[in-house]
Amino acid sequence: MAAAVSSGTPTGPRSLEALRAHLAAYPIKDRPDAAVYVYHAHVHFSLDGEEPFETASAFKERLQERFPSSEHYFFGRTHRKPVGPHPVGSYELVFTRPDYADVVNFLTFNRPSSLSIFIHPHTFQSLEDHMDRALWLGKPNELVPTVLLNSEERYSKEMEQGKDEAQVLWDHHT
């Protein structure tokens, strides 16, 4: 896929306009599964020593070569401590729905055995996305779901304050 031409406004998973267009085409009320615009793949690595971090970093470089940041892919920061529900070091690759098969296939066949990869859709139902709709490549890690418990309530409050559903999802996936 060709990278988006930069106009100062990000495109793809980094574009609020693209998310609004997707949600208009696939209303949540009609088909909740169709409202999935992006997925997250969290690459987990042990915090024991430098070797796991180096392996994760090398794999991230390989992923960035295969899926350069563009209208379809975005890489998050590498965290060398637990963050959110992730109990180990991690980084995320955000990718769009049309690219799901390509990304998951690459991760499946190229993941270093010492790394675990947690993949989930990103919707308004964070707890369900992380606990019931996710898949693991490699050894699963025990997530910390308590940080996700109030996400639907937070989303609802933000919408009551005037944000549309696209803006709320946008704010929580970028």
C-alpha atoms as a PDB file:
ATOM      1  CA  MET A   1       0.000   0.000   0.000  1.00  0.00           C
ATOM      2  CA  ALA A   2       1.247   3.435  -0.836  1.00  0.00           C
ATOM      3  CA  ALA A   3       1.875   5.880   1.963  1.00  0.00           C
ATOM      4  CA  ALA A   4      -0.476   8.822   2.218  1.00  0.00           C
ATOM      5  CA  VAL A   5       0.687  12.151   0.921  1.00  0.00           C
ATOM      6  CA  SER A   6       1.175  14.487   3.849  1.00  0.00           C
ATOM      7  CA  SER A   7      -1.104  17.508   3.845  1.00  0.00           C
ATOM      8  CA  GLY A   8      -0.521  18.384   7.462  1.00  0.00           C
ATOM      9  CA  THR A   9      -3.564  16.306   8.441  1.00  0.00           C
ATOM     10  CA  PRO A  10      -2.910  12.648   9.275  1.00  0.00           C
ATOM     11  CA  THR A  11      -4.778   9.982   7.319  1.00  0.00           C
ATOM     12  CA  GLY A  12      -5.971   6.452   8.021  1.00  0.00           C
ATOM     13  CA  PRO A  13      -5.932   5.329  11.636  1.00  0.00           C
ATOM     14  CA  ARG A  14      -4.596   8.786  12.473  1.00  0.00           C
ATOM     15  CA  SER A  15      -7.458  10.585  10.703  1.00  0.00           C
ATOM     16  CA  LEU A  16     -10.608  11.683  12.488  1.00  0.00           C
ATOM     17  CA  GLU A  17     -12.241  12.332   9.102  1.00  0.00           C
ATOM     18  CA  ALA A  18     -11.541   8.773   7.935  1.00  0.00           C
ATOM     19  CA  LEU A  19     -12.967   7.386  11.177  1.00  0.00           C
ATOM     20  CA  ARG A  20     -16.114   9.509  10.775  1.00  0.00           C
ATOM     21  CA  ALA A  21     -16.517   8.241   7.203  1.00  0.00           C
ATOM     22  CA  HIS A  22     -16.144   4.649   8.360  1.00  0.00           C
ATOM     23  CA  LEU A  23     -18.696   5.051  11.142  1.00  0.00           C
ATOM     24  CA  ALA A  24     -21.119   6.692   8.699  1.00  0.00           C
ATOM     25  CA  ALA A  25     -20.759   3.719   6.360  1.00  0.00           C
ATOM     26  CA  TYR A  26     -21.054   1.142   9.161  1.00  0.00           C
ATOM     27  CA  PRO A  27     -23.349   2.494  11.913  1.00  0.00           C
ATOM     28  CA  ILE A  28     -22.741   0.877  15.302  1.00  0.00           C
ATOM     29  CA  LYS A  29     -26.471   0.517  15.947  1.00  0.00           C
ATOM     30  CA  ASP A  30     -26.880  -1.604  12.809  1.00  0.00           C
ATOM     31  CA  ARG A  31     -23.924  -3.974  13.225  1.00  0.00           C
ATOM     32  CA  PRO A  32     -21.554  -3.527  16.174  1.00  0.00           C
ATOM     33  CA  ASP A  33     -18.884  -5.699  14.554  1.00  0.00           C
ATOM     34  CA  ALA A  34     -18.895  -3.514  11.432  1.00  0.00           C
ATOM     35  CA  ALA A  35     -18.051  -0.466  13.529  1.00  0.00           C
ATOM     36  CA  VAL A  36     -14.538  -1.806  14.097  1.00  0.00           C
ATOM     37  CA  TYR A  37     -12.299   0.670  12.318  1.00  0.00           C
ATOM     38  CA  VAL A  38      -8.947  -0.265  13.799  1.00  0.00           C
ATOM     39  CA  TYR A  39      -7.306  -3.097  15.642  1.00  0.00           C
ATOM     40  CA  HIS A  40      -4.445  -2.972  18.103  1.00  0.00           C
ATOM     41  CA  ALA A  41      -1.623  -5.501  18.186  1.00  0.00           C
ATOM     42  CA  HIS A  42       0.328  -5.172  21.442  1.00  0.00           C
ATOM     43  CA  VAL A  43       3.741  -6.802  21.374  1.00  0.00           C
ATOM     44  CA  HIS A  44       4.570  -7.949  24.914  1.00  0.00           C
ATOM     45  CA  PHE A  45       8.090  -8.573  26.187  1.00  0.00           C
ATOM     46  CA  SER A  46       9.548  -9.560  29.533  1.00  0.00           C
ATOM     47  CA  LEU A  47      11.031  -6.886  31.775  1.00  0.00           C
ATOM     48  CA  ASP A  48      13.774  -9.284  32.933  1.00  0.00           C
ATOM     49  CA  GLY A  49      17.039  -7.927  31.535  1.00  0.00           C
ATOM     50  CA  GLU A  50      17.989  -6.298  28.240  1.00  0.00           C
ATOM     51  CA  GLU A  51      17.660  -9.287  25.915  1.00  0.00           C
ATOM     52  CA  PRO A  52      13.816  -9.295  25.779  1.00  0.00           C
ATOM     53  CA  PHE A  53      13.811  -5.537  25.115  1.00  0.00           C
ATOM     54  CA  GLU A  54      16.415  -5.907  22.364  1.00  0.00           C
ATOM     55  CA  THR A  55      14.412  -8.718  20.737  1.00  0.00           C
ATOM     56  CA  ALA A  56      11.228  -6.615  20.906  1.00  0.00           C
ATOM     57  CA  SER A  57      13.039  -3.581  19.490  1.00  0.00           C
ATOM     58  CA  ALA A  58      14.481  -5.568  16.589  1.00  0.00           C
ATOM     59  CA  PHE A  59      11.040  -6.991  15.830  1.00  0.00           C
ATOM     60  CA  LYS A  60       9.518  -3.497  15.950  1.00  0.00           C
ATOM     61  CA  GLU A  61      12.067  -2.358  13.367  1.00  0.00           C
ATOM     62  CA  ARG A  62      11.120  -5.304  11.179  1.00  0.00           C
ATOM     63  CA  LEU A  63       7.427  -4.472  11.588  1.00  0.00           C
ATOM     64  CA  GLN A  64       8.061  -0.830  10.714  1.00  0.00           C
ATOM     65  CA  GLU A  65       9.829  -1.921   7.528  1.00  0.00           C
ATOM     66  CA  ARG A  66       6.940  -4.230   6.584  1.00  0.00           C
ATOM     67  CA  PHE A  67       4.145  -1.871   7.703  1.00  0.00           C
ATOM     68  CA  PRO A  68       5.501   1.691   7.477  1.00  0.00           C
ATOM     69  CA  SER A  69       3.454   4.374   9.209  1.00  0.00           C
ATOM     70  CA  SER A  70       0.900   5.401   6.629  1.00  0.00           C
ATOM     71  CA  GLU A  71      -2.824   5.655   6.080  1.00  0.00           C
ATOM     72  CA  HIS A  72      -3.117   2.075   7.363  1.00  0.00           C
ATOM     73  CA  TYR A  73      -0.546   1.664  10.140  1.00  0.00           C
ATOM     74  CA  PHE A  74       0.621   3.539  13.218  1.00  0.00           C
ATOM     75  CA  PHE A  75       3.159   2.507  15.858  1.00  0.00           C
ATOM     76  CA  GLY A  76       2.915   3.531  19.497  1.00  0.00           C
ATOM     77  CA  ARG A  77       5.779   4.172  21.910  1.00  0.00           C
ATOM     78  CA  THR A  78       7.679   1.312  23.473  1.00  0.00           C
ATOM     79  CA  HIS A  79       6.922   1.005  27.186  1.00  0.00           C
ATOM     80  CA  ARG A  80       9.602  -0.563  29.385  1.00  0.00           C
ATOM     81  CA  LYS A  81       7.143  -0.890  32.260  1.00  0.00           C
ATOM     82  CA  PRO A  82       3.552  -2.093  32.667  1.00  0.00           C
ATOM     83  CA  VAL A  83       1.062   0.355  31.110  1.00  0.00           C
ATOM     84  CA  GLY A  84      -2.743   0.123  31.245  1.00  0.00           C
ATOM     85  CA  PRO A  85      -3.899  -3.487  31.271  1.00  0.00           C
ATOM     86  CA  HIS A  86      -0.522  -4.736  29.991  1.00  0.00           C
ATOM     87  CA  PRO A  87       1.516  -6.305  32.837  1.00  0.00           C
ATOM     88  CA  VAL A  88       4.845  -6.351  30.980  1.00  0.00           C
ATOM     89  CA  GLY A  89       6.766  -4.180  28.537  1.00  0.00           C
ATOM     90  CA  SER A  90       4.923  -3.496  25.298  1.00  0.00           C
ATOM     91  CA  TYR A  91       4.379  -1.444  22.192  1.00  0.00           C
ATOM     92  CA  GLU A  92       1.423  -1.354  19.862  1.00  0.00           C
ATOM     93  CA  LEU A  93       0.780  -1.450  16.171  1.00  0.00           C
ATOM     94  CA  VAL A  94      -2.552   0.144  15.238  1.00  0.00           C
ATOM     95  CA  PHE A  95      -3.888  -1.091  11.899  1.00  0.00           C
ATOM     96  CA  THR A  96      -7.063  -0.749   9.880  1.00  0.00           C
ATOM     97  CA  ARG A  97      -9.705  -3.385   9.378  1.00  0.00           C
ATOM     98  CA  PRO A  98      -8.895  -4.056   5.688  1.00  0.00           C
ATOM     99  CA  ASP A  99      -5.323  -4.932   6.697  1.00  0.00           C
ATOM    100  CA  TYR A 100      -6.266  -7.422   9.431  1.00  0.00           C
ATOM    101  CA  ALA A 101      -5.428 -10.609   7.514  1.00  0.00           C
ATOM    102  CA  ASP A 102      -2.101  -9.293   6.225  1.00  0.00           C
ATOM    103  CA  VAL A 103      -0.945  -8.022   9.626  1.00  0.00           C
ATOM    104  CA  VAL A 104      -2.079 -11.055  11.631  1.00  0.00           C
ATOM    105  CA  ASN A 105      -0.558 -13.426   9.055  1.00  0.00           C
ATOM    106  CA  PHE A 106       2.787 -11.608   9.257  1.00  0.00           C
ATOM    107  CA  LEU A 107       2.714 -11.564  13.065  1.00  0.00           C
ATOM    108  CA  THR A 108       1.783 -15.260  13.185  1.00  0.00           C
ATOM    109  CA  PHE A 109       4.677 -16.434  11.059  1.00  0.00           C
ATOM    110  CA  ASN A 110       7.357 -13.906  12.046  1.00  0.00           C
ATOM    111  CA  ARG A 111       6.897 -13.402  15.818  1.00  0.00           C
ATOM    112  CA  PRO A 112      10.066 -14.221  17.778  1.00  0.00           C
ATOM    113  CA  SER A 113       9.184 -17.048  20.163  1.00  0.00           C
ATOM    114  CA  SER A 114      10.108 -14.993  23.243  1.00  0.00           C
ATOM    115  CA  LEU A 115       7.457 -12.390  22.445  1.00  0.00           C
ATOM    116  CA  SER A 116       3.701 -12.595  22.971  1.00  0.00           C
ATOM    117  CA  ILE A 117       1.311 -10.593  20.839  1.00  0.00           C
ATOM    118  CA  PHE A 118      -2.118  -9.522  22.010  1.00  0.00           C
ATOM    119  CA  ILE A 119      -4.564  -8.464  19.256  1.00  0.00           C
ATOM    120  CA  HIS A 120      -7.964  -6.854  19.836  1.00  0.00           C
ATOM    121  CA  PRO A 121     -10.537  -4.670  18.089  1.00  0.00           C
ATOM    122  CA  HIS A 122     -10.956  -1.093  19.269  1.00  0.00           C
ATOM    123  CA  THR A 123     -14.602  -0.197  19.992  1.00  0.00           C
ATOM    124  CA  PHE A 124     -16.550   1.569  22.710  1.00  0.00           C
ATOM    125  CA  GLN A 125     -16.451  -1.630  24.765  1.00  0.00           C
ATOM    126  CA  SER A 126     -12.834  -1.729  25.959  1.00  0.00           C
ATOM    127  CA  LEU A 127     -13.339  -4.404  28.602  1.00  0.00           C
ATOM    128  CA  GLU A 128     -14.977  -6.794  26.140  1.00  0.00           C
ATOM    129  CA  ASP A 129     -12.440  -5.938  23.438  1.00  0.00           C
ATOM    130  CA  HIS A 130      -9.560  -6.839  25.735  1.00  0.00           C
ATOM    131  CA  MET A 131     -11.062  -9.807  27.581  1.00  0.00           C
ATOM    132  CA  ASP A 132     -13.554 -11.488  25.220  1.00  0.00           C
ATOM    133  CA  ARG A 133     -12.745 -10.418  21.649  1.00  0.00           C
ATOM    134  CA  ALA A 134      -8.981 -10.727  21.668  1.00  0.00           C
ATOM    135  CA  LEU A 135      -6.523 -13.300  20.466  1.00  0.00           C
ATOM    136  CA  TRP A 136      -3.002 -14.154  21.549  1.00  0.00           C
ATOM    137  CA  LEU A 137      -0.004 -15.235  19.540  1.00  0.00           C
ATOM    138  CA  GLY A 138       2.473 -16.941  21.840  1.00  0.00           C
ATOM    139  CA  LYS A 139       2.088 -17.310  25.572  1.00  0.00           C
ATOM    140  CA  PRO A 140      -0.781 -15.187  26.956  1.00  0.00           C
ATOM    141  CA  ASN A 141      -0.042 -12.737  29.754  1.00  0.00           C
ATOM    142  CA  GLU A 142      -2.561 -12.070  32.514  1.00  0.00           C
ATOM    143  CA  LEU A 143      -4.014  -8.644  31.747  1.00  0.00           C
ATOM    144  CA  VAL A 144      -5.082  -6.151  34.427  1.00  0.00           C
ATOM    145  CA  PRO A 145      -8.711  -5.533  33.431  1.00  0.00           C
ATOM    146  CA  THR A 146      -9.581  -3.165  36.285  1.00  0.00           C
ATOM    147  CA  VAL A 147      -8.163  -0.210  34.332  1.00  0.00           C
ATOM    148  CA  LEU A 148     -10.782  -0.889  31.650  1.00  0.00           C
ATOM    149  CA  LEU A 149     -13.844  -1.165  33.884  1.00  0.00           C
ATOM    150  CA  ASN A 150     -15.128   2.385  33.487  1.00  0.00           C
ATOM    151  CA  SER A 151     -14.295   2.921  29.828  1.00  0.00           C
ATOM    152  CA  GLU A 152     -17.889   2.745  28.562  1.00  0.00           C
ATOM    153  CA  GLU A 153     -18.947   5.204  31.256  1.00  0.00           C
ATOM    154  CA  ARG A 154     -16.086   7.534  30.254  1.00  0.00           C
ATOM    155  CA  TYR A 155     -17.096   7.284  26.592  1.00  0.00           C
ATOM    156  CA  SER A 156     -20.743   8.066  27.440  1.00  0.00           C
ATOM    157  CA  LYS A 157     -19.758  11.099  29.521  1.00  0.00           C
ATOM    158  CA  GLU A 158     -17.590  12.421  26.709  1.00  0.00           C
ATOM    159  CA  MET A 159     -20.469  12.063  24.262  1.00  0.00           C
ATOM    160  CA  GLU A 160     -22.799  13.845  26.709  1.00  0.00           C
ATOM    161  CA  GLN A 161     -20.274  16.693  26.712  1.00  0.00           C
ATOM    162  CA  GLY A 162     -20.769  17.111  22.974  1.00  0.00           C
ATOM    163  CA  LYS A 163     -18.207  14.802  21.364  1.00  0.00           C
ATOM    164  CA  ASP A 164     -19.474  12.531  18.609  1.00  0.00           C
ATOM    165  CA  GLU A 165     -18.682   8.799  18.627  1.00  0.00           C
ATOM    166  CA  ALA A 166     -15.861   9.255  16.137  1.00  0.00           C
ATOM    167  CA  GLN A 167     -14.159  11.902  18.297  1.00  0.00           C
ATOM    168  CA  VAL A 168     -14.421   9.695  21.392  1.00  0.00           C
ATOM    169  CA  LEU A 169     -12.915   6.663  19.634  1.00  0.00           C
ATOM    170  CA  TRP A 170     -10.274   8.904  18.058  1.00  0.00           C
ATOM    171  CA  ASP A 171      -9.238  10.321  21.426  1.00  0.00           C
ATOM    172  CA  HIS A 172      -8.819   6.839  22.873  1.00  0.00           C
ATOM    173  CA  HIS A 173      -6.906   5.166  20.064  1.00  0.00           C
ATOM    174  CA  THR A 174      -4.320   7.795  19.218  1.00  0.00           C
END
